[in-house]
C-alpha atoms as a PDB file:
ATOM      1  CA  UNK A   1      83.444  32.271 236.189  1.00  0.00           C
ATOM      2  CA  UNK A   2      80.173  33.860 235.139  1.00  0.00           C
ATOM      3  CA  UNK A   3      78.433  32.879 238.316  1.00  0.00           C
ATOM      4  CA  UNK A   4      79.615  33.034 241.983  1.00  0.00           C
ATOM      5  CA  UNK A   5      78.281  32.116 245.250  1.00  0.00           C
ATOM      6  CA  UNK A   6      79.313  32.244 248.989  1.00  0.00           C
ATOM      7  CA  UNK A   7      78.412  29.431 251.136  1.00  0.00           C
ATOM      8  CA  UNK A   8      77.895  30.826 254.801  1.00  0.00           C
ATOM      9  CA  UNK A   9      75.776  33.694 255.901  1.00  0.00           C
ATOM     10  CA  UNK A  10      77.686  34.821 258.888  1.00  0.00           C
ATOM     11  CA  UNK A  11      79.465  38.211 259.139  1.00  0.00           C
ATOM     12  CA  UNK A  12      82.644  37.389 257.033  1.00  0.00           C
ATOM     13  CA  UNK A  13      80.383  35.501 254.316  1.00  0.00           C
ATOM     14  CA  UNK A  14      78.067  38.594 254.025  1.00  0.00           C
ATOM     15  CA  UNK A  15      81.116  40.886 253.825  1.00  0.00           C
ATOM     16  CA  UNK A  16      82.747  38.739 251.234  1.00  0.00           C
ATOM     17  CA  UNK A  17      79.605  38.628 249.171  1.00  0.00           C
ATOM     18  CA  UNK A  18      79.582  42.532 249.393  1.00  0.00           C
ATOM     19  CA  UNK A  19      83.060  42.684 247.928  1.00  0.00           C
ATOM     20  CA  UNK A  20      82.144  40.051 245.018  1.00  0.00           C
ATOM     21  CA  UNK A  21      78.985  42.189 244.250  1.00  0.00           C
ATOM     22  CA  UNK A  22      80.907  45.335 243.554  1.00  0.00           C
ATOM     23  CA  UNK A  23      79.829  46.876 240.362  1.00  0.00           C
ATOM     24  CA  UNK A  24      76.462  45.083 240.159  1.00  0.00           C
ATOM     25  CA  UNK A  25      77.849  41.738 239.754  1.00  0.00           C
ATOM     26  CA  UNK A  26      75.458  38.940 240.630  1.00  0.00           C
ATOM     27  CA  UNK A  27      76.155  36.869 243.755  1.00  0.00           C
ATOM     28  CA  UNK A  28      74.314  34.065 245.476  1.00  0.00           C
ATOM     29  CA  UNK A  29      74.604  33.877 249.318  1.00  0.00           C
ATOM     30  CA  UNK A  30      73.544  30.520 251.055  1.00  0.00           C
ATOM     31  CA  UNK A  31      72.611  30.938 254.617  1.00  0.00           C
ATOM     32  CA  UNK A  32      71.509  28.066 257.075  1.00  0.00           C
ATOM     33  CA  UNK A  33      69.169  30.547 259.092  1.00  0.00           C
ATOM     34  CA  UNK A  34      65.840  31.507 257.265  1.00  0.00           C
ATOM     35  CA  UNK A  35      65.882  34.741 259.115  1.00  0.00           C
ATOM     36  CA  UNK A  36      69.089  35.661 257.434  1.00  0.00           C
ATOM     37  CA  UNK A  37      67.937  34.899 253.891  1.00  0.00           C
ATOM     38  CA  UNK A  38      64.625  36.879 254.703  1.00  0.00           C
ATOM     39  CA  UNK A  39      66.342  39.772 256.084  1.00  0.00           C
ATOM     40  CA  UNK A  40      69.065  39.987 253.132  1.00  0.00           C
ATOM     41  CA  UNK A  41      66.423  39.688 250.340  1.00  0.00           C
ATOM     42  CA  UNK A  42      63.687  41.966 252.088  1.00  0.00           C
ATOM     43  CA  UNK A  43      65.984  44.579 253.624  1.00  0.00           C
ATOM     44  CA  UNK A  44      69.483  44.126 251.811  1.00  0.00           C
ATOM     45  CA  UNK A  45      70.881  43.670 255.313  1.00  0.00           C
ATOM     46  CA  UNK A  46      72.173  40.720 257.446  1.00  0.00           C
ATOM     47  CA  UNK A  47      70.931  42.123 260.691  1.00  0.00           C
ATOM     48  CA  UNK A  48      71.532  39.218 262.906  1.00  0.00           C
ATOM     49  CA  UNK A  49      75.555  38.986 261.925  1.00  0.00           C
ATOM     50  CA  UNK A  50      76.311  42.116 260.196  1.00  0.00           C
ATOM     51  CA  UNK A  51      73.702  44.895 261.344  1.00  0.00           C
ATOM     52  CA  UNK A  52      74.063  48.460 259.811  1.00  0.00           C
ATOM     53  CA  UNK A  53      75.658  47.373 256.466  1.00  0.00           C
ATOM     54  CA  UNK A  54      73.751  47.857 253.434  1.00  0.00           C
ATOM     55  CA  UNK A  55      74.444  45.042 250.709  1.00  0.00           C
ATOM     56  CA  UNK A  56      74.451  45.630 247.008  1.00  0.00           C
ATOM     57  CA  UNK A  57      71.036  44.776 245.465  1.00  0.00           C
ATOM     58  CA  UNK A  58      72.856  42.027 243.302  1.00  0.00           C
ATOM     59  CA  UNK A  59      73.304  39.943 246.335  1.00  0.00           C
ATOM     60  CA  UNK A  60      70.617  37.432 246.603  1.00  0.00           C
ATOM     61  CA  UNK A  61      70.384  35.052 249.567  1.00  0.00           C
ATOM     62  CA  UNK A  62      69.229  31.483 249.214  1.00  0.00           C
ATOM     63  CA  UNK A  63      68.470  28.720 251.729  1.00  0.00           C
ATOM     64  CA  UNK A  64      69.043  25.697 249.494  1.00  0.00           C
ATOM     65  CA  UNK A  65      72.441  24.647 248.766  1.00  0.00           C
ATOM     66  CA  UNK A  66      71.320  23.369 245.404  1.00  0.00           C
ATOM     67  CA  UNK A  67      70.679  26.935 244.413  1.00  0.00           C
ATOM     68  CA  UNK A  68      74.116  27.973 245.476  1.00  0.00           C
ATOM     69  CA  UNK A  69      76.039  25.916 242.940  1.00  0.00           C
ATOM     70  CA  UNK A  70      78.014  28.374 240.859  1.00  0.00           C
ATOM     71  CA  UNK A  71      80.842  28.605 238.542  1.00  0.00           C
ATOM     72  CA  UNK A  72      83.209  29.688 241.382  1.00  0.00           C
ATOM     73  CA  UNK A  73      82.262  28.875 245.023  1.00  0.00           C
ATOM     74  CA  UNK A  74      83.624  30.723 248.204  1.00  0.00           C
ATOM     75  CA  UNK A  75      83.291  28.442 251.448  1.00  0.00           C
ATOM     76  CA  UNK A  76      82.823  30.637 254.554  1.00  0.00           C
ATOM     77  CA  UNK A  77      81.133  28.540 256.889  1.00  0.00           C
ATOM     78  CA  UNK A  78      82.687  27.803 260.534  1.00  0.00           C
ATOM     79  CA  UNK A  79      85.373  25.294 260.233  1.00  0.00           C
ATOM     80  CA  UNK A  80      83.845  22.452 262.263  1.00  0.00           C
ATOM     81  CA  UNK A  81      80.812  22.450 259.813  1.00  0.00           C
ATOM     82  CA  UNK A  82      82.695  22.385 256.565  1.00  0.00           C
ATOM     83  CA  UNK A  83      82.744  18.470 256.027  1.00  0.00           C
ATOM     84  CA  UNK A  84      79.034  18.363 256.434  1.00  0.00           C
ATOM     85  CA  UNK A  85      78.277  21.442 254.403  1.00  0.00           C
ATOM     86  CA  UNK A  86      80.747  20.715 251.726  1.00  0.00           C
ATOM     87  CA  UNK A  87      79.421  17.040 251.368  1.00  0.00           C
ATOM     88  CA  UNK A  88      75.796  18.260 251.131  1.00  0.00           C
ATOM     89  CA  UNK A  89      76.918  20.701 248.391  1.00  0.00           C
ATOM     90  CA  UNK A  90      78.567  18.156 246.487  1.00  0.00           C
ATOM     91  CA  UNK A  91      75.730  16.345 244.491  1.00  0.00           C
ATOM     92  CA  UNK A  92      74.899  20.013 243.115  1.00  0.00           C
ATOM     93  CA  UNK A  93      78.545  20.982 242.213  1.00  0.00           C
ATOM     94  CA  UNK A  94      79.725  20.062 238.791  1.00  0.00           C
ATOM     95  CA  UNK A  95      83.168  18.131 238.892  1.00  0.00           C
ATOM     96  CA  UNK A  96      85.989  20.393 238.384  1.00  0.00           C
ATOM     97  CA  UNK A  97      84.187  23.346 239.942  1.00  0.00           C
ATOM     98  CA  UNK A  98      86.890  25.599 241.804  1.00  0.00           C
ATOM     99  CA  UNK A  99      86.225  26.327 245.471  1.00  0.00           C
ATOM    100  CA  UNK A 100      87.798  28.969 247.378  1.00  0.00           C
ATOM    101  CA  UNK A 101      88.333  28.104 251.258  1.00  0.00           C
ATOM    102  CA  UNK A 102      87.839  31.233 253.568  1.00  0.00           C
ATOM    103  CA  UNK A 103      87.132  29.371 256.664  1.00  0.00           C
ATOM    104  CA  UNK A 104      89.938  29.553 259.113  1.00  0.00           C
ATOM    105  CA  UNK A 105      90.525  26.455 261.350  1.00  0.00           C
ATOM    106  CA  UNK A 106      91.255  22.657 261.561  1.00  0.00           C
ATOM    107  CA  UNK A 107      88.933  19.806 261.963  1.00  0.00           C
ATOM    108  CA  UNK A 108      88.858  18.913 265.546  1.00  0.00           C
ATOM    109  CA  UNK A 109      87.909  15.149 265.290  1.00  0.00           C
ATOM    110  CA  UNK A 110      90.683  14.388 262.586  1.00  0.00           C
ATOM    111  CA  UNK A 111      93.319  17.195 263.272  1.00  0.00           C
ATOM    112  CA  UNK A 112      93.253  17.700 259.454  1.00  0.00           C
ATOM    113  CA  UNK A 113      93.703  20.938 257.606  1.00  0.00           C
ATOM    114  CA  UNK A 114      90.536  22.245 255.880  1.00  0.00           C
ATOM    115  CA  UNK A 115      91.915  21.786 252.676  1.00  0.00           C
ATOM    116  CA  UNK A 116      92.670  17.987 253.284  1.00  0.00           C
ATOM    117  CA  UNK A 117      88.824  17.689 254.422  1.00  0.00           C
ATOM    118  CA  UNK A 118      87.878  19.083 251.050  1.00  0.00           C
ATOM    119  CA  UNK A 119      90.135  16.346 249.279  1.00  0.00           C
ATOM    120  CA  UNK A 120      87.831  13.956 251.077  1.00  0.00           C
ATOM    121  CA  UNK A 121      84.451  15.454 250.272  1.00  0.00           C
ATOM    122  CA  UNK A 122      85.159  17.359 247.013  1.00  0.00           C
ATOM    123  CA  UNK A 123      87.985  15.233 245.431  1.00  0.00           C
ATOM    124  CA  UNK A 124      87.389  16.772 241.971  1.00  0.00           C
ATOM    125  CA  UNK A 125      87.464  20.458 242.916  1.00  0.00           C
ATOM    126  CA  UNK A 126      90.431  22.625 242.644  1.00  0.00           C
ATOM    127  CA  UNK A 127      90.993  24.472 245.811  1.00  0.00           C
ATOM    128  CA  UNK A 128      92.115  28.012 246.654  1.00  0.00           C
ATOM    129  CA  UNK A 129      92.657  29.298 249.894  1.00  0.00           C
ATOM    130  CA  UNK A 130      91.565  33.290 250.943  1.00  0.00           C
ATOM    131  CA  UNK A 131      93.053  34.335 254.098  1.00  0.00           C
ATOM    132  CA  UNK A 132      94.532  37.444 255.774  1.00  0.00           C
ATOM    133  CA  UNK A 133      93.724  40.253 258.237  1.00  0.00           C
ATOM    134  CA  UNK A 134      89.993  40.809 257.761  1.00  0.00           C
ATOM    135  CA  UNK A 135      87.498  42.102 260.125  1.00  0.00           C
ATOM    136  CA  UNK A 136      84.163  41.710 258.306  1.00  0.00           C
ATOM    137  CA  UNK A 137      82.558  45.063 259.207  1.00  0.00           C
ATOM    138  CA  UNK A 138      85.573  46.935 257.701  1.00  0.00           C
ATOM    139  CA  UNK A 139      85.692  44.859 254.588  1.00  0.00           C
ATOM    140  CA  UNK A 140      81.890  45.479 254.013  1.00  0.00           C
ATOM    141  CA  UNK A 141      82.176  49.187 254.624  1.00  0.00           C
ATOM    142  CA  UNK A 142      84.907  49.349 251.814  1.00  0.00           C
ATOM    143  CA  UNK A 143      87.655  50.176 254.097  1.00  0.00           C
ATOM    144  CA  UNK A 144      91.276  49.141 252.692  1.00  0.00           C
ATOM    145  CA  UNK A 145      92.050  45.305 253.267  1.00  0.00           C
ATOM    146  CA  UNK A 146      94.720  43.049 251.836  1.00  0.00           C
ATOM    147  CA  UNK A 147      94.377  39.329 251.794  1.00  0.00           C
ATOM    148  CA  UNK A 148      96.375  36.450 250.370  1.00  0.00           C
ATOM    149  CA  UNK A 149      95.041  34.076 247.876  1.00  0.00           C
ATOM    150  CA  UNK A 150      96.932  30.692 247.750  1.00  0.00           C
ATOM    151  CA  UNK A 151      96.432  27.609 245.435  1.00  0.00           C
ATOM    152  CA  UNK A 152      98.850  25.136 244.066  1.00  0.00           C
ATOM    153  CA  UNK A 153      97.880  26.068 240.601  1.00  0.00           C
ATOM    154  CA  UNK A 154      98.972  29.707 240.160  1.00  0.00           C
ATOM    155  CA  UNK A 155      96.412  30.152 237.525  1.00  0.00           C
ATOM    156  CA  UNK A 156      93.644  29.368 239.747  1.00  0.00           C
ATOM    157  CA  UNK A 157      95.029  31.763 242.527  1.00  0.00           C
ATOM    158  CA  UNK A 158      95.348  34.344 239.454  1.00  0.00           C
ATOM    159  CA  UNK A 159      91.771  33.969 238.516  1.00  0.00           C
ATOM    160  CA  UNK A 160      90.324  33.983 242.041  1.00  0.00           C
ATOM    161  CA  UNK A 161      92.289  37.120 242.636  1.00  0.00           C
ATOM    162  CA  UNK A 162      91.048  38.818 239.495  1.00  0.00           C
ATOM    163  CA  UNK A 163      87.416  38.044 240.595  1.00  0.00           C
ATOM    164  CA  UNK A 164      87.749  39.185 244.068  1.00  0.00           C
ATOM    165  CA  UNK A 165      90.179  42.056 243.877  1.00  0.00           C
ATOM    166  CA  UNK A 166      88.970  45.551 244.098  1.00  0.00           C
ATOM    167  CA  UNK A 167      90.583  48.907 244.733  1.00  0.00           C
ATOM    168  CA  UNK A 168      89.713  48.618 248.457  1.00  0.00           C
ATOM    169  CA  UNK A 169      90.327  45.043 248.683  1.00  0.00           C
ATOM    170  CA  UNK A 170      93.791  43.832 247.312  1.00  0.00           C
ATOM    171  CA  UNK A 171      94.791  40.221 246.868  1.00  0.00           C
ATOM    172  CA  UNK A 172      98.337  38.974 246.849  1.00  0.00           C
ATOM    173  CA  UNK A 173      99.217  35.387 245.301  1.00  0.00           C
ATOM    174  CA  UNK A 174     100.751  32.425 246.864  1.00  0.00           C
ATOM    175  CA  UNK A 175     101.203  28.728 246.180  1.00  0.00           C
ATOM    176  CA  UNK A 176     101.754  27.808 249.978  1.00  0.00           C
ATOM    177  CA  UNK A 177      98.243  26.513 250.639  1.00  0.00           C
ATOM    178  CA  UNK A 178      99.265  24.629 253.835  1.00  0.00           C
ATOM    179  CA  UNK A 179     101.136  27.855 255.178  1.00  0.00           C
ATOM    180  CA  UNK A 180      98.250  30.335 254.546  1.00  0.00           C
ATOM    181  CA  UNK A 181      95.845  27.985 256.118  1.00  0.00           C
ATOM    182  CA  UNK A 182      98.036  27.221 259.239  1.00  0.00           C
ATOM    183  CA  UNK A 183      98.676  31.002 259.766  1.00  0.00           C
ATOM    184  CA  UNK A 184      94.776  31.615 259.770  1.00  0.00           C
ATOM    185  CA  UNK A 185      93.905  28.768 262.023  1.00  0.00           C
ATOM    186  CA  UNK A 186      96.583  29.243 264.924  1.00  0.00           C
ATOM    187  CA  UNK A 187      96.324  33.018 265.038  1.00  0.00           C
ATOM    188  CA  UNK A 188      92.960  32.469 266.675  1.00  0.00           C
ATOM    189  CA  UNK A 189      94.358  30.377 269.486  1.00  0.00           C
ATOM    190  CA  UNK A 190      97.138  32.989 270.206  1.00  0.00           C
ATOM    191  CA  UNK A 191      94.303  35.493 270.051  1.00  0.00           C
ATOM    192  CA  UNK A 192      92.377  33.719 272.927  1.00  0.00           C
ATOM    193  CA  UNK A 193      95.803  33.684 274.950  1.00  0.00           C
ATOM    194  CA  UNK A 194      96.468  37.396 274.336  1.00  0.00           C
ATOM    195  CA  UNK A 195      92.838  38.069 275.488  1.00  0.00           C
ATOM    196  CA  UNK A 196      93.292  36.278 278.506  1.00  0.00           C
ATOM    197  CA  UNK A 197      96.492  38.334 279.335  1.00  0.00           C
ATOM    198  CA  UNK A 198      94.502  41.392 278.700  1.00  0.00           C
ATOM    199  CA  UNK A 199      91.455  40.335 280.801  1.00  0.00           C
ATOM    200  CA  UNK A 200      93.842  39.514 283.812  1.00  0.00           C
ATOM    201  CA  UNK A 201      95.347  42.806 283.649  1.00  0.00           C
ATOM    202  CA  UNK A 202      98.861  41.235 283.067  1.00  0.00           C
ATOM    203  CA  UNK A 203     100.163  44.139 280.720  1.00  0.00           C
ATOM    204  CA  UNK A 204     101.366  45.103 277.563  1.00  0.00           C
ATOM    205  CA  UNK A 205     104.828  43.420 278.061  1.00  0.00           C
ATOM    206  CA  UNK A 206     103.068  39.901 278.574  1.00  0.00           C
ATOM    207  CA  UNK A 207     101.007  40.439 275.614  1.00  0.00           C
ATOM    208  CA  UNK A 208     103.708  41.331 273.350  1.00  0.00           C
ATOM    209  CA  UNK A 209     105.842  38.516 274.546  1.00  0.00           C
ATOM    210  CA  UNK A 210     102.827  36.085 274.206  1.00  0.00           C
ATOM    211  CA  UNK A 211     102.274  37.523 270.602  1.00  0.00           C
ATOM    212  CA  UNK A 212     105.973  37.003 269.498  1.00  0.00           C
ATOM    213  CA  UNK A 213     106.176  33.423 271.156  1.00  0.00           C
ATOM    214  CA  UNK A 214     102.722  32.711 269.477  1.00  0.00           C
ATOM    215  CA  UNK A 215     104.280  33.483 266.177  1.00  0.00           C
ATOM    216  CA  UNK A 216     107.240  31.243 267.067  1.00  0.00           C
ATOM    217  CA  UNK A 217     104.900  28.416 267.608  1.00  0.00           C
ATOM    218  CA  UNK A 218     103.034  29.142 264.545  1.00  0.00           C
ATOM    219  CA  UNK A 219     106.235  28.953 262.479  1.00  0.00           C
ATOM    220  CA  UNK A 220     107.389  25.641 264.192  1.00  0.00           C
ATOM    221  CA  UNK A 221     104.052  23.907 263.521  1.00  0.00           C
ATOM    222  CA  UNK A 222     103.608  25.341 260.117  1.00  0.00           C
ATOM    223  CA  UNK A 223     107.117  24.149 258.918  1.00  0.00           C
ATOM    224  CA  UNK A 224     106.451  20.709 260.233  1.00  0.00           C
ATOM    225  CA  UNK A 225     103.239  20.447 258.329  1.00  0.00           C
ATOM    226  CA  UNK A 226     105.005  21.700 255.189  1.00  0.00           C
ATOM    227  CA  UNK A 227     104.320  25.389 255.239  1.00  0.00           C
ATOM    228  CA  UNK A 228     107.026  27.902 253.981  1.00  0.00           C
ATOM    229  CA  UNK A 229     108.574  30.349 256.450  1.00  0.00           C
ATOM    230  CA  UNK A 230     107.974  33.434 254.618  1.00  0.00           C
ATOM    231  CA  UNK A 231     104.273  32.984 254.459  1.00  0.00           C
ATOM    232  CA  UNK A 232     104.232  33.363 258.324  1.00  0.00           C
ATOM    233  CA  UNK A 233     105.502  36.891 257.856  1.00  0.00           C
ATOM    234  CA  UNK A 234     102.888  37.745 255.454  1.00  0.00           C
ATOM    235  CA  UNK A 235      99.304  38.947 255.494  1.00  0.00           C
ATOM    236  CA  UNK A 236      98.056  35.260 256.347  1.00  0.00           C
ATOM    237  CA  UNK A 237     100.584  35.072 259.035  1.00  0.00           C
ATOM    238  CA  UNK A 238     102.097  37.988 260.983  1.00  0.00           C
ATOM    239  CA  UNK A 239      99.438  40.298 259.439  1.00  0.00           C
ATOM    240  CA  UNK A 240      96.395  38.407 260.614  1.00  0.00           C
ATOM    241  CA  UNK A 241      97.929  37.499 263.949  1.00  0.00           C
ATOM    242  CA  UNK A 242      98.671  41.138 264.621  1.00  0.00           C
ATOM    243  CA  UNK A 243      94.986  42.224 263.859  1.00  0.00           C
ATOM    244  CA  UNK A 244      93.573  39.529 265.869  1.00  0.00           C
ATOM    245  CA  UNK A 245      95.693  39.845 268.943  1.00  0.00           C
ATOM    246  CA  UNK A 246      95.357  43.666 269.253  1.00  0.00           C
ATOM    247  CA  UNK A 247      91.487  44.209 268.998  1.00  0.00           C
ATOM    248  CA  UNK A 248      88.616  43.390 271.257  1.00  0.00           C
ATOM    249  CA  UNK A 249      86.659  43.427 267.894  1.00  0.00           C
ATOM    250  CA  UNK A 250      88.293  40.192 267.354  1.00  0.00           C
ATOM    251  CA  UNK A 251      85.834  37.312 268.631  1.00  0.00           C
ATOM    252  CA  UNK A 252      88.726  35.264 269.648  1.00  0.00           C
ATOM    253  CA  UNK A 253      90.405  38.049 271.598  1.00  0.00           C
ATOM    254  CA  UNK A 254      87.310  39.069 273.211  1.00  0.00           C
ATOM    255  CA  UNK A 255      86.542  35.569 274.445  1.00  0.00           C
ATOM    256  CA  UNK A 256      89.906  35.674 276.108  1.00  0.00           C
ATOM    257  CA  UNK A 257      89.374  38.840 277.865  1.00  0.00           C
ATOM    258  CA  UNK A 258      86.192  37.380 279.278  1.00  0.00           C
ATOM    259  CA  UNK A 259      87.978  34.231 280.325  1.00  0.00           C
ATOM    260  CA  UNK A 260      90.745  36.264 281.892  1.00  0.00           C
ATOM    261  CA  UNK A 261      87.972  38.290 283.830  1.00  0.00           C
ATOM    262  CA  UNK A 262      86.791  34.992 285.433  1.00  0.00           C
ATOM    263  CA  UNK A 263      83.805  34.296 283.421  1.00  0.00           C
ATOM    264  CA  UNK A 264      83.219  30.575 282.515  1.00  0.00           C
ATOM    265  CA  UNK A 265      83.458  29.814 278.864  1.00  0.00           C
ATOM    266  CA  UNK A 266      80.033  28.013 278.869  1.00  0.00           C
ATOM    267  CA  UNK A 267      78.435  31.352 279.874  1.00  0.00           C
ATOM    268  CA  UNK A 268      80.410  33.261 277.071  1.00  0.00           C
ATOM    269  CA  UNK A 269      79.572  31.035 274.333  1.00  0.00           C
ATOM    270  CA  UNK A 270      75.916  30.853 275.315  1.00  0.00           C
ATOM    271  CA  UNK A 271      75.698  34.651 274.613  1.00  0.00           C
ATOM    272  CA  UNK A 272      77.194  34.476 271.128  1.00  0.00           C
ATOM    273  CA  UNK A 273      75.745  33.715 267.706  1.00  0.00           C
ATOM    274  CA  UNK A 274      79.155  34.021 266.101  1.00  0.00           C
ATOM    275  CA  UNK A 275      81.963  31.427 266.349  1.00  0.00           C
ATOM    276  CA  UNK A 276      85.278  31.796 268.256  1.00  0.00           C
ATOM    277  CA  UNK A 277      87.268  29.397 265.942  1.00  0.00           C
ATOM    278  CA  UNK A 278      90.104  29.314 268.191  1.00  0.00           C
ATOM    279  CA  UNK A 279      88.325  27.078 270.790  1.00  0.00           C
ATOM    280  CA  UNK A 280      87.865  24.064 268.620  1.00  0.00           C
ATOM    281  CA  UNK A 281      90.979  24.663 266.643  1.00  0.00           C
ATOM    282  CA  UNK A 282      93.105  24.408 269.678  1.00  0.00           C
ATOM    283  CA  UNK A 283      91.982  20.892 270.139  1.00  0.00           C
ATOM    284  CA  UNK A 284      92.772  19.954 266.488  1.00  0.00           C
ATOM    285  CA  UNK A 285      96.243  21.492 266.816  1.00  0.00           C
ATOM    286  CA  UNK A 286      97.137  19.909 269.903  1.00  0.00           C
ATOM    287  CA  UNK A 287      96.083  16.499 268.276  1.00  0.00           C
ATOM    288  CA  UNK A 288      98.333  17.130 265.083  1.00  0.00           C
ATOM    289  CA  UNK A 289     101.030  18.104 266.941  1.00  0.00           C
ATOM    290  CA  UNK A 290     101.154  15.095 269.409  1.00  0.00           C
ATOM    291  CA  UNK A 291     100.842  12.964 266.281  1.00  0.00           C
ATOM    292  CA  UNK A 292     104.184  14.677 264.828  1.00  0.00           C
ATOM    293  CA  UNK A 293     105.937  15.487 268.249  1.00  0.00           C
ATOM    294  CA  UNK A 294     105.695  19.367 267.699  1.00  0.00           C
ATOM    295  CA  UNK A 295     106.007  21.415 270.818  1.00  0.00           C
ATOM    296  CA  UNK A 296     103.045  23.909 270.988  1.00  0.00           C
ATOM    297  CA  UNK A 297     102.826  25.170 274.656  1.00  0.00           C
ATOM    298  CA  UNK A 298     100.568  28.064 274.122  1.00  0.00           C
ATOM    299  CA  UNK A 299      97.995  26.036 272.087  1.00  0.00           C
ATOM    300  CA  UNK A 300      98.175  23.412 274.473  1.00  0.00           C
ATOM    301  CA  UNK A 301      97.575  25.741 277.442  1.00  0.00           C
ATOM    302  CA  UNK A 302      94.641  27.501 275.682  1.00  0.00           C
ATOM    303  CA  UNK A 303      93.046  24.085 274.609  1.00  0.00           C
ATOM    304  CA  UNK A 304      93.404  22.980 278.442  1.00  0.00           C
ATOM    305  CA  UNK A 305      91.615  26.353 279.509  1.00  0.00           C
ATOM    306  CA  UNK A 306      88.935  26.204 276.811  1.00  0.00           C
ATOM    307  CA  UNK A 307      88.383  22.500 276.612  1.00  0.00           C
ATOM    308  CA  UNK A 308      89.459  20.612 279.722  1.00  0.00           C
ATOM    309  CA  UNK A 309      88.394  23.147 282.343  1.00  0.00           C
ATOM    310  CA  UNK A 310      92.270  23.834 283.311  1.00  0.00           C
ATOM    311  CA  UNK A 311      92.951  26.599 285.941  1.00  0.00           C
ATOM    312  CA  UNK A 312      93.982  29.831 284.119  1.00  0.00           C
ATOM    313  CA  UNK A 313      96.689  30.880 286.722  1.00  0.00           C
ATOM    314  CA  UNK A 314      98.093  27.483 286.921  1.00  0.00           C
ATOM    315  CA  UNK A 315      98.466  27.406 283.136  1.00  0.00           C
ATOM    316  CA  UNK A 316     100.202  30.848 283.036  1.00  0.00           C
ATOM    317  CA  UNK A 317     102.274  29.600 285.587  1.00  0.00           C
ATOM    318  CA  UNK A 318     103.438  26.483 283.589  1.00  0.00           C
ATOM    319  CA  UNK A 319     104.033  28.826 280.587  1.00  0.00           C
ATOM    320  CA  UNK A 320     106.201  30.969 282.507  1.00  0.00           C
ATOM    321  CA  UNK A 321     108.015  28.093 284.237  1.00  0.00           C
ATOM    322  CA  UNK A 322     109.182  26.202 281.222  1.00  0.00           C
ATOM    323  CA  UNK A 323     112.970  25.553 280.996  1.00  0.00           C
ATOM    324  CA  UNK A 324     114.967  28.489 279.374  1.00  0.00           C
ATOM    325  CA  UNK A 325     115.929  27.751 275.706  1.00  0.00           C
ATOM    326  CA  UNK A 326     117.519  29.448 272.760  1.00  0.00           C
ATOM    327  CA  UNK A 327     115.037  32.043 271.232  1.00  0.00           C
ATOM    328  CA  UNK A 328     115.134  30.494 267.782  1.00  0.00           C
ATOM    329  CA  UNK A 329     114.996  26.833 268.962  1.00  0.00           C
END
């Protein structure tokens, strides 16, 4: 793995490139926006998405996907762009080049996990997944962070962990590719719900209850799709959920806060350059849950509010009015 590239010039992709460039190692960072490429190469700073963070001089931004082919590729674009961008990258990527999936979500139209999308568009690429509680600005500033690196092939997970690991960025290994993805995808939906609770002033008790029942929903959905229960108690499950649901620095929770305060989602989204993945992922989760008869009431409520103009108060009332059941049922 002598050459490394990061595909996606948003905040998280830029922060990950900074980690990978520690010690002067060369990293190519592909960005769609020409102004991002120019800013990074001119000023060593991604002002549109990660202002105030100086990048190592060994990070070089490129605007052509063909220039981003490398021995190891980290895919950090928004989830709904993965199929298109990975497909465009495919002709430049030698067969067998490993890719590391760092996006968090599911494909809306198909209800597929992102690793399944990669199986369609990069069938010869070994896939690893990197996920966990990672606010980009903290990672880029070198604050302590731990993540999960998962791959069906443990040797690949070990190679990726060895390449990305730093004293301030500690990877742990897993072979649960499905569970690690589901934890990272569904926590964004639960964070929107927790934000709505915060925005409406419903109190800490309600938010704690919602986070806990959200974790139960993640586990139920994850087990049905083949994930492992212990994964959802780890960094890519409970760890990421706790971070995202307890800080307005989270794009998903902050969106929920604005919704809870009565602002329309169209107005909120129009003000943002960064993507709140939970909005689109909610639709994908509801689709996949219906196909498998999985009960996901919180995800269904968030999908209704964000994508189908459902009334927030009525949605909260529906959740509170559900039949009493065993907590572990």
